[in-house]
Amino acid sequence: MLVDEVMEDVNNKDFDDAYIKAQQIDYTYDWDDQVDEKWDRTRKHVINYIVPAEEKEYGKAIHSREK
């Protein structure tokens, strides 16, 4: 699963790949807004996990948190 790959990248301190993969977490069908919202929340949660890990490792992050 893509989220697992992102977490593995974070654990390996490969923040660029993790961020790129996290951006791909998206629901592509238009027929269910609840599922779309779930994927949006998941993507935001994962990105907001990556950025602090990157800040902790390097003292700053080149990637941005999502609101």
Protein backbone atom coordinates (compact mmCIF):
# COMPACT_ATOMS: atom_id res chain seq x y z
CA MET A 1 0.00 0.00 0.00
CA LEU A 2 1.22 3.49 -0.81
CA VAL A 3 0.96 4.74 2.77
CA ASP A 4 3.21 1.89 3.91
CA GLU A 5 5.75 2.82 1.25
CA VAL A 6 5.72 6.43 2.46
CA MET A 7 6.30 5.35 6.06
CA GLU A 8 9.18 3.12 4.96
CA ASP A 9 10.72 6.05 3.06
CA VAL A 10 10.43 8.23 6.16
CA ASN A 11 12.07 5.53 8.27
CA ASN A 12 14.88 5.41 5.69
CA LYS A 13 15.11 9.23 5.78
CA ASP A 14 14.18 9.43 2.10
CA PHE A 15 11.91 12.42 2.57
CA ASP A 16 11.76 13.49 -1.09
CA ASP A 17 10.39 10.12 -2.22
CA ALA A 18 8.06 10.00 0.78
CA TYR A 19 6.64 13.43 -0.06
CA ILE A 20 6.20 12.60 -3.75
CA LYS A 21 4.40 9.37 -2.90
CA ALA A 22 2.24 11.11 -0.30
CA GLN A 23 1.08 13.58 -2.93
CA GLN A 24 -0.24 10.60 -4.91
CA ILE A 25 -2.64 9.57 -2.13
CA ASP A 26 -5.86 10.62 -3.77
CA TYR A 27 -9.29 9.26 -4.54
CA THR A 28 -9.91 9.54 -8.27
CA TYR A 29 -13.60 8.70 -8.55
CA ASP A 30 -16.31 11.35 -8.28
CA TRP A 31 -19.12 9.24 -6.89
CA ASP A 32 -18.38 9.26 -3.15
CA ASP A 33 -17.52 12.47 -1.29
CA GLN A 34 -16.99 10.67 2.03
CA VAL A 35 -14.31 8.43 0.56
CA ASP A 36 -12.73 11.45 -1.14
CA GLU A 37 -12.61 13.28 2.20
CA LYS A 38 -11.07 10.21 3.86
CA TRP A 39 -8.25 10.10 1.29
CA ASP A 40 -7.69 13.85 1.65
CA ARG A 41 -7.38 13.44 5.43
CA THR A 42 -5.05 10.48 4.98
CA ARG A 43 -2.81 12.41 2.57
CA LYS A 44 -2.68 15.42 4.90
CA HIS A 45 -1.93 13.23 7.91
CA VAL A 46 0.90 11.46 6.09
CA ILE A 47 2.42 14.71 4.81
CA ASN A 48 2.16 16.22 8.27
CA TYR A 49 4.08 13.18 9.52
CA ILE A 50 6.84 13.57 6.93
CA VAL A 51 7.59 17.24 7.54
CA PRO A 52 8.34 17.02 11.29
CA ALA A 53 10.49 13.94 10.69
CA GLU A 54 12.43 15.86 8.09
CA GLU A 55 12.76 18.85 10.45
CA LYS A 56 14.01 16.58 13.20
CA GLU A 57 16.62 15.01 10.92
CA TYR A 58 17.91 18.16 9.22
CA GLY A 59 16.84 21.02 11.48
CA LYS A 60 14.46 22.29 8.79
CA ALA A 61 12.15 20.92 6.14
CA ILE A 62 12.08 21.72 2.46
CA HIS A 63 8.56 20.33 2.19
CA SER A 64 5.45 22.03 3.53
CA ARG A 65 2.76 20.87 5.91
CA GLU A 66 -0.82 20.68 4.71
CA LYS A 67 -3.64 22.51 6.44
